[in-house]
Amino acid sequence: ADLRSPVYVTILKHGDSTTLDTMLKLHKQA
């Protein structure tokens, strides 16, 4: 739990549409 926010923000900041889609999928599945 401690590492999720820093990892998520890092990959999104330097990510693309695939990264965003993956995060939205994670959100839906949570």
PDB file of all heavy atoms in Angstrom:
ATOM      1  N   ALA A   1       0.830  -1.217   0.000  1.00  0.00           N
ATOM      2  CA  ALA A   1       0.000   0.000   0.000  1.00  0.00           C
ATOM      3  C   ALA A   1       0.857   1.257   0.000  1.00  0.00           C
ATOM      4  O   ALA A   1       0.535   2.252  -0.668  1.00  0.00           O
ATOM      5  CB  ALA A   1      -0.938  -0.007   1.198  1.00  0.00           C
ATOM      6  N   ASP A   2       1.997   1.223   0.726  1.00  0.00           N
ATOM      7  CA  ASP A   2       2.872   2.400   0.832  1.00  0.00           C
ATOM      8  C   ASP A   2       3.488   2.808  -0.504  1.00  0.00           C
ATOM      9  O   ASP A   2       3.793   3.978  -0.721  1.00  0.00           O
ATOM     10  CB  ASP A   2       4.024   2.125   1.817  1.00  0.00           C
ATOM     11  CG  ASP A   2       3.522   1.939   3.240  1.00  0.00           C
ATOM     12  OD1 ASP A   2       2.515   2.573   3.588  1.00  0.00           O
ATOM     13  OD2 ASP A   2       4.131   1.158   3.984  1.00  0.00           O
ATOM     14  N   LEU A   3       3.693   1.819  -1.390  1.00  0.00           N
ATOM     15  CA  LEU A   3       4.389   2.098  -2.649  1.00  0.00           C
ATOM     16  C   LEU A   3       3.454   2.347  -3.830  1.00  0.00           C
ATOM     17  O   LEU A   3       3.896   2.779  -4.894  1.00  0.00           O
ATOM     18  CB  LEU A   3       5.328   0.941  -2.999  1.00  0.00           C
ATOM     19  CG  LEU A   3       6.589   0.786  -2.136  1.00  0.00           C
ATOM     20  CD1 LEU A   3       7.398  -0.421  -2.592  1.00  0.00           C
ATOM     21  CD2 LEU A   3       7.452   2.046  -2.191  1.00  0.00           C
ATOM     22  N   ARG A   4       2.177   2.076  -3.646  1.00  0.00           N
ATOM     23  CA  ARG A   4       1.274   2.180  -4.803  1.00  0.00           C
ATOM     24  C   ARG A   4       1.176   3.587  -5.359  1.00  0.00           C
ATOM     25  O   ARG A   4       1.328   3.794  -6.562  1.00  0.00           O
ATOM     26  CB  ARG A   4      -0.114   1.633  -4.444  1.00  0.00           C
ATOM     27  CG  ARG A   4      -0.093   0.125  -4.310  1.00  0.00           C
ATOM     28  CD  ARG A   4      -1.461  -0.463  -4.108  1.00  0.00           C
ATOM     29  NE  ARG A   4      -1.334  -1.884  -3.758  1.00  0.00           N
ATOM     30  CZ  ARG A   4      -2.343  -2.706  -3.644  1.00  0.00           C
ATOM     31  NH1 ARG A   4      -3.576  -2.277  -3.832  1.00  0.00           N
ATOM     32  NH2 ARG A   4      -2.144  -3.976  -3.319  1.00  0.00           N
ATOM     33  N   SER A   5       0.934   4.576  -4.497  1.00  0.00           N
ATOM     34  CA  SER A   5       0.796   5.956  -5.004  1.00  0.00           C
ATOM     35  C   SER A   5       2.056   6.443  -5.724  1.00  0.00           C
ATOM     36  O   SER A   5       1.963   6.964  -6.843  1.00  0.00           O
ATOM     37  CB  SER A   5       0.425   6.914  -3.870  1.00  0.00           C
ATOM     38  OG  SER A   5      -0.910   6.697  -3.485  1.00  0.00           O
ATOM     39  N   PRO A   6       3.268   6.290  -5.125  1.00  0.00           N
ATOM     40  CA  PRO A   6       4.464   6.749  -5.856  1.00  0.00           C
ATOM     41  C   PRO A   6       4.698   6.006  -7.168  1.00  0.00           C
ATOM     42  O   PRO A   6       5.123   6.615  -8.158  1.00  0.00           O
ATOM     43  CB  PRO A   6       5.617   6.499  -4.878  1.00  0.00           C
ATOM     44  CG  PRO A   6       5.084   5.656  -3.792  1.00  0.00           C
ATOM     45  CD  PRO A   6       3.612   5.889  -3.756  1.00  0.00           C
ATOM     46  N   VAL A   7       4.390   4.703  -7.199  1.00  0.00           N
ATOM     47  CA  VAL A   7       4.570   3.946  -8.446  1.00  0.00           C
ATOM     48  C   VAL A   7       3.538   4.390  -9.483  1.00  0.00           C
ATOM     49  O   VAL A   7       3.876   4.664 -10.642  1.00  0.00           O
ATOM     50  CB  VAL A   7       4.459   2.426  -8.189  1.00  0.00           C
ATOM     51  CG1 VAL A   7       4.313   1.659  -9.508  1.00  0.00           C
ATOM     52  CG2 VAL A   7       5.699   1.920  -7.441  1.00  0.00           C
ATOM     53  N   TYR A   8       2.284   4.509  -9.072  1.00  0.00           N
ATOM     54  CA  TYR A   8       1.224   4.923  -9.998  1.00  0.00           C
ATOM     55  C   TYR A   8       1.514   6.301 -10.596  1.00  0.00           C
ATOM     56  O   TYR A   8       1.388   6.514 -11.795  1.00  0.00           O
ATOM     57  CB  TYR A   8      -0.134   4.973  -9.288  1.00  0.00           C
ATOM     58  CG  TYR A   8      -0.696   3.638  -8.839  1.00  0.00           C
ATOM     59  CD1 TYR A   8      -1.795   3.587  -7.973  1.00  0.00           C
ATOM     60  CD2 TYR A   8      -0.149   2.432  -9.256  1.00  0.00           C
ATOM     61  CE1 TYR A   8      -2.335   2.377  -7.550  1.00  0.00           C
ATOM     62  CE2 TYR A   8      -0.671   1.212  -8.825  1.00  0.00           C
ATOM     63  CZ  TYR A   8      -1.771   1.194  -7.969  1.00  0.00           C
ATOM     64  OH  TYR A   8      -2.288  -0.003  -7.546  1.00  0.00           O
ATOM     65  N   VAL A   9       1.897   7.250  -9.737  1.00  0.00           N
ATOM     66  CA  VAL A   9       2.115   8.619 -10.213  1.00  0.00           C
ATOM     67  C   VAL A   9       3.316   8.680 -11.155  1.00  0.00           C
ATOM     68  O   VAL A   9       3.312   9.412 -12.146  1.00  0.00           O
ATOM     69  CB  VAL A   9       2.267   9.605  -9.028  1.00  0.00           C
ATOM     70  CG1 VAL A   9       3.658   9.614  -8.438  1.00  0.00           C
ATOM     71  CG2 VAL A   9       1.883  11.024  -9.442  1.00  0.00           C
ATOM     72  N   THR A  10       4.333   7.860 -10.896  1.00  0.00           N
ATOM     73  CA  THR A  10       5.534   7.843 -11.742  1.00  0.00           C
ATOM     74  C   THR A  10       5.228   7.287 -13.123  1.00  0.00           C
ATOM     75  O   THR A  10       5.606   7.881 -14.139  1.00  0.00           O
ATOM     76  CB  THR A  10       6.649   6.999 -11.075  1.00  0.00           C
ATOM     77  OG1 THR A  10       6.983   7.592  -9.817  1.00  0.00           O
ATOM     78  CG2 THR A  10       7.888   6.931 -11.946  1.00  0.00           C
ATOM     79  N   ILE A  11       4.522   6.167 -13.178  1.00  0.00           N
ATOM     80  CA  ILE A  11       4.270   5.565 -14.502  1.00  0.00           C
ATOM     81  C   ILE A  11       3.275   6.389 -15.307  1.00  0.00           C
ATOM     82  O   ILE A  11       3.345   6.446 -16.526  1.00  0.00           O
ATOM     83  CB  ILE A  11       3.818   4.090 -14.402  1.00  0.00           C
ATOM     84  CG1 ILE A  11       2.502   3.974 -13.636  1.00  0.00           C
ATOM     85  CG2 ILE A  11       4.895   3.209 -13.791  1.00  0.00           C
ATOM     86  CD1 ILE A  11       1.642   2.844 -14.138  1.00  0.00           C
ATOM     87  N   LEU A  12       2.353   7.074 -14.609  1.00  0.00           N
ATOM     88  CA  LEU A  12       1.395   7.927 -15.324  1.00  0.00           C
ATOM     89  C   LEU A  12       2.076   9.178 -15.866  1.00  0.00           C
ATOM     90  O   LEU A  12       1.843   9.572 -17.014  1.00  0.00           O
ATOM     91  CB  LEU A  12       0.240   8.329 -14.402  1.00  0.00           C
ATOM     92  CG  LEU A  12      -0.873   7.296 -14.237  1.00  0.00           C
ATOM     93  CD1 LEU A  12      -1.719   7.611 -13.009  1.00  0.00           C
ATOM     94  CD2 LEU A  12      -1.756   7.220 -15.480  1.00  0.00           C
ATOM     95  N   LYS A  13       2.912   9.802 -15.049  1.00  0.00           N
ATOM     96  CA  LYS A  13       3.605  11.038 -15.453  1.00  0.00           C
ATOM     97  C   LYS A  13       4.408  10.817 -16.729  1.00  0.00           C
ATOM     98  O   LYS A  13       4.516  11.704 -17.578  1.00  0.00           O
ATOM     99  CB  LYS A  13       4.532  11.503 -14.318  1.00  0.00           C
ATOM    100  CG  LYS A  13       5.225  12.837 -14.574  1.00  0.00           C
ATOM    101  CD  LYS A  13       4.262  13.995 -14.464  1.00  0.00           C
ATOM    102  CE  LYS A  13       4.944  15.342 -14.657  1.00  0.00           C
ATOM    103  NZ  LYS A  13       3.971  16.442 -14.661  1.00  0.00           N
ATOM    104  N   HIS A  14       4.969   9.624 -16.872  1.00  0.00           N
ATOM    105  CA  HIS A  14       5.813   9.321 -18.032  1.00  0.00           C
ATOM    106  C   HIS A  14       5.158   8.241 -18.903  1.00  0.00           C
ATOM    107  O   HIS A  14       5.837   7.485 -19.587  1.00  0.00           O
ATOM    108  CB  HIS A  14       7.196   8.874 -17.560  1.00  0.00           C
ATOM    109  CG  HIS A  14       7.817   9.840 -16.589  1.00  0.00           C
ATOM    110  ND1 HIS A  14       8.425  11.008 -16.997  1.00  0.00           N
ATOM    111  CD2 HIS A  14       7.872   9.846 -15.231  1.00  0.00           C
ATOM    112  CE1 HIS A  14       8.839  11.685 -15.932  1.00  0.00           C
ATOM    113  NE2 HIS A  14       8.511  10.994 -14.855  1.00  0.00           N
ATOM    114  N   GLY A  15       3.817   8.183 -18.839  1.00  0.00           N
ATOM    115  CA  GLY A  15       3.088   7.133 -19.542  1.00  0.00           C
ATOM    116  C   GLY A  15       2.356   7.610 -20.782  1.00  0.00           C
ATOM    117  O   GLY A  15       2.435   8.771 -21.170  1.00  0.00           O
ATOM    118  N   ASP A  16       1.609   6.669 -21.392  1.00  0.00           N
ATOM    119  CA  ASP A  16       0.844   6.968 -22.611  1.00  0.00           C
ATOM    120  C   ASP A  16      -0.588   6.470 -22.441  1.00  0.00           C
ATOM    121  O   ASP A  16      -1.023   6.169 -21.321  1.00  0.00           O
ATOM    122  CB  ASP A  16       1.517   6.308 -23.827  1.00  0.00           C
ATOM    123  CG  ASP A  16       1.751   4.805 -23.617  1.00  0.00           C
ATOM    124  OD1 ASP A  16       1.103   4.208 -22.722  1.00  0.00           O
ATOM    125  OD2 ASP A  16       2.580   4.224 -24.338  1.00  0.00           O
ATOM    126  N   SER A  17      -1.324   6.355 -23.547  1.00  0.00           N
ATOM    127  CA  SER A  17      -2.736   5.952 -23.477  1.00  0.00           C
ATOM    128  C   SER A  17      -2.886   4.534 -22.909  1.00  0.00           C
ATOM    129  O   SER A  17      -3.843   4.255 -22.188  1.00  0.00           O
ATOM    130  CB  SER A  17      -3.387   6.033 -24.857  1.00  0.00           C
ATOM    131  OG  SER A  17      -2.705   5.210 -25.780  1.00  0.00           O
ATOM    132  N   THR A  18      -1.932   3.662 -23.202  1.00  0.00           N
ATOM    133  CA  THR A  18      -1.981   2.293 -22.667  1.00  0.00           C
ATOM    134  C   THR A  18      -1.859   2.320 -21.140  1.00  0.00           C
ATOM    135  O   THR A  18      -2.574   1.595 -20.437  1.00  0.00           O
ATOM    136  CB  THR A  18      -0.832   1.437 -23.260  1.00  0.00           C
ATOM    137  OG1 THR A  18      -0.896   1.526 -24.681  1.00  0.00           O
ATOM    138  CG2 THR A  18      -0.961  -0.013 -22.837  1.00  0.00           C
ATOM    139  N   THR A  19      -0.959   3.175 -20.632  1.00  0.00           N
ATOM    140  CA  THR A  19      -0.777   3.305 -19.178  1.00  0.00           C
ATOM    141  C   THR A  19      -2.074   3.772 -18.530  1.00  0.00           C
ATOM    142  O   THR A  19      -2.516   3.217 -17.517  1.00  0.00           O
ATOM    143  CB  THR A  19       0.335   4.328 -18.851  1.00  0.00           C
ATOM    144  OG1 THR A  19       1.450   4.100 -19.703  1.00  0.00           O
ATOM    145  CG2 THR A  19       0.768   4.221 -17.394  1.00  0.00           C
ATOM    146  N   LEU A  20      -2.693   4.789 -19.116  1.00  0.00           N
ATOM    147  CA  LEU A  20      -3.942   5.321 -18.558  1.00  0.00           C
ATOM    148  C   LEU A  20      -5.041   4.267 -18.581  1.00  0.00           C
ATOM    149  O   LEU A  20      -5.770   4.093 -17.598  1.00  0.00           O
ATOM    150  CB  LEU A  20      -4.383   6.571 -19.329  1.00  0.00           C
ATOM    151  CG  LEU A  20      -5.669   7.231 -18.824  1.00  0.00           C
ATOM    152  CD1 LEU A  20      -5.558   7.650 -17.359  1.00  0.00           C
ATOM    153  CD2 LEU A  20      -6.048   8.435 -19.688  1.00  0.00           C
ATOM    154  N   ASP A  21      -5.158   3.553 -19.700  1.00  0.00           N
ATOM    155  CA  ASP A  21      -6.178   2.497 -19.804  1.00  0.00           C
ATOM    156  C   ASP A  21      -5.968   1.421 -18.743  1.00  0.00           C
ATOM    157  O   ASP A  21      -6.925   0.916 -18.149  1.00  0.00           O
ATOM    158  CB  ASP A  21      -6.152   1.858 -21.206  1.00  0.00           C
ATOM    159  CG  ASP A  21      -6.709   2.794 -22.276  1.00  0.00           C
ATOM    160  OD1 ASP A  21      -7.389   3.775 -21.903  1.00  0.00           O
ATOM    161  OD2 ASP A  21      -6.454   2.554 -23.466  1.00  0.00           O
ATOM    162  N   THR A  22      -4.702   1.086 -18.490  1.00  0.00           N
ATOM    163  CA  THR A  22      -4.385   0.084 -17.469  1.00  0.00           C
ATOM    164  C   THR A  22      -4.819   0.573 -16.088  1.00  0.00           C
ATOM    165  O   THR A  22      -5.391  -0.173 -15.289  1.00  0.00           O
ATOM    166  CB  THR A  22      -2.866  -0.222 -17.460  1.00  0.00           C
ATOM    167  OG1 THR A  22      -2.473  -0.646 -18.763  1.00  0.00           O
ATOM    168  CG2 THR A  22      -2.532  -1.333 -16.465  1.00  0.00           C
ATOM    169  N   MET A  23      -4.555   1.863 -15.793  1.00  0.00           N
ATOM    170  CA  MET A  23      -4.935   2.421 -14.495  1.00  0.00           C
ATOM    171  C   MET A  23      -6.458   2.479 -14.339  1.00  0.00           C
ATOM    172  O   MET A  23      -6.989   2.206 -13.257  1.00  0.00           O
ATOM    173  CB  MET A  23      -4.338   3.827 -14.334  1.00  0.00           C
ATOM    174  CG  MET A  23      -2.833   3.857 -14.144  1.00  0.00           C
ATOM    175  SD  MET A  23      -2.203   2.866 -12.776  1.00  0.00           S
ATOM    176  CE  MET A  23      -3.066   3.566 -11.398  1.00  0.00           C
ATOM    177  N   LEU A  24      -7.161   2.811 -15.421  1.00  0.00           N
ATOM    178  CA  LEU A  24      -8.630   2.863 -15.359  1.00  0.00           C
ATOM    179  C   LEU A  24      -9.205   1.456 -15.166  1.00  0.00           C
ATOM    180  O   LEU A  24     -10.211   1.272 -14.470  1.00  0.00           O
ATOM    181  CB  LEU A  24      -9.199   3.503 -16.632  1.00  0.00           C
ATOM    182  CG  LEU A  24      -8.898   5.007 -16.802  1.00  0.00           C
ATOM    183  CD1 LEU A  24      -9.374   5.502 -18.161  1.00  0.00           C
ATOM    184  CD2 LEU A  24      -9.538   5.828 -15.682  1.00  0.00           C
ATOM    185  N   LYS A  25      -8.526   0.474 -15.755  1.00  0.00           N
ATOM    186  CA  LYS A  25      -8.939  -0.927 -15.573  1.00  0.00           C
ATOM    187  C   LYS A  25      -8.721  -1.347 -14.112  1.00  0.00           C
ATOM    188  O   LYS A  25      -9.567  -2.003 -13.505  1.00  0.00           O
ATOM    189  CB  LYS A  25      -8.110  -1.814 -16.515  1.00  0.00           C
ATOM    190  CG  LYS A  25      -8.480  -3.293 -16.481  1.00  0.00           C
ATOM    191  CD  LYS A  25      -7.612  -4.057 -17.480  1.00  0.00           C
ATOM    192  CE  LYS A  25      -7.599  -5.533 -17.177  1.00  0.00           C
ATOM    193  NZ  LYS A  25      -6.566  -6.243 -17.949  1.00  0.00           N
ATOM    194  N   LEU A  26      -7.576  -0.952 -13.543  1.00  0.00           N
ATOM    195  CA  LEU A  26      -7.291  -1.231 -12.129  1.00  0.00           C
ATOM    196  C   LEU A  26      -8.359  -0.613 -11.232  1.00  0.00           C
ATOM    197  O   LEU A  26      -8.796  -1.210 -10.247  1.00  0.00           O
ATOM    198  CB  LEU A  26      -5.927  -0.648 -11.737  1.00  0.00           C
ATOM    199  CG  LEU A  26      -4.690  -1.541 -11.731  1.00  0.00           C
ATOM    200  CD1 LEU A  26      -3.497  -0.769 -11.180  1.00  0.00           C
ATOM    201  CD2 LEU A  26      -4.890  -2.808 -10.923  1.00  0.00           C
ATOM    202  N   HIS A  27      -8.769   0.599 -11.580  1.00  0.00           N
ATOM    203  CA  HIS A  27      -9.799   1.306 -10.815  1.00  0.00           C
ATOM    204  C   HIS A  27     -11.107   0.531 -10.849  1.00  0.00           C
ATOM    205  O   HIS A  27     -11.770   0.343  -9.815  1.00  0.00           O
ATOM    206  CB  HIS A  27      -9.999   2.716 -11.410  1.00  0.00           C
ATOM    207  CG  HIS A  27     -11.016   3.546 -10.679  1.00  0.00           C
ATOM    208  ND1 HIS A  27     -12.371   3.459 -10.945  1.00  0.00           N
ATOM    209  CD2 HIS A  27     -10.882   4.473  -9.694  1.00  0.00           C
ATOM    210  CE1 HIS A  27     -13.021   4.302 -10.159  1.00  0.00           C
ATOM    211  NE2 HIS A  27     -12.140   4.921  -9.400  1.00  0.00           N
ATOM    212  N   LYS A  28     -11.467   0.069 -12.019  1.00  0.00           N
ATOM    213  CA  LYS A  28     -12.729  -0.678 -12.199  1.00  0.00           C
ATOM    214  C   LYS A  28     -12.709  -1.984 -11.405  1.00  0.00           C
ATOM    215  O   LYS A  28     -13.711  -2.386 -10.804  1.00  0.00           O
ATOM    216  CB  LYS A  28     -12.923  -0.973 -13.687  1.00  0.00           C
ATOM    217  CG  LYS A  28     -14.357  -1.247 -14.097  1.00  0.00           C
ATOM    218  CD  LYS A  28     -14.428  -1.481 -15.597  1.00  0.00           C
ATOM    219  CE  LYS A  28     -15.844  -1.472 -16.095  1.00  0.00           C
ATOM    220  NZ  LYS A  28     -16.519  -0.172 -16.069  1.00  0.00           N
ATOM    221  N   GLN A  29     -11.544  -2.624 -11.369  1.00  0.00           N
ATOM    222  CA  GLN A  29     -11.421  -3.938 -10.713  1.00  0.00           C
ATOM    223  C   GLN A  29     -11.248  -3.842  -9.198  1.00  0.00           C
ATOM    224  O   GLN A  29     -11.470  -4.820  -8.481  1.00  0.00           O
ATOM    225  CB  GLN A  29     -10.222  -4.700 -11.299  1.00  0.00           C
ATOM    226  CG  GLN A  29     -10.414  -5.137 -12.744  1.00  0.00           C
ATOM    227  CD  GLN A  29      -9.139  -5.713 -13.341  1.00  0.00           C
ATOM    228  OE1 GLN A  29      -8.052  -5.544 -12.787  1.00  0.00           O
ATOM    229  NE2 GLN A  29      -9.265  -6.375 -14.488  1.00  0.00           N
ATOM    230  N   ALA A  30     -10.857  -2.667  -8.707  1.00  0.00           N
ATOM    231  CA  ALA A  30     -10.564  -2.516  -7.274  1.00  0.00           C
ATOM    232  C   ALA A  30     -11.815  -2.784  -6.441  1.00  0.00           C
ATOM    233  O   ALA A  30     -12.882  -2.233  -6.707  1.00  0.00           O
ATOM    234  CB  ALA A  30     -10.034  -1.112  -6.996  1.00  0.00           C
TER     235      ALA A  30
END
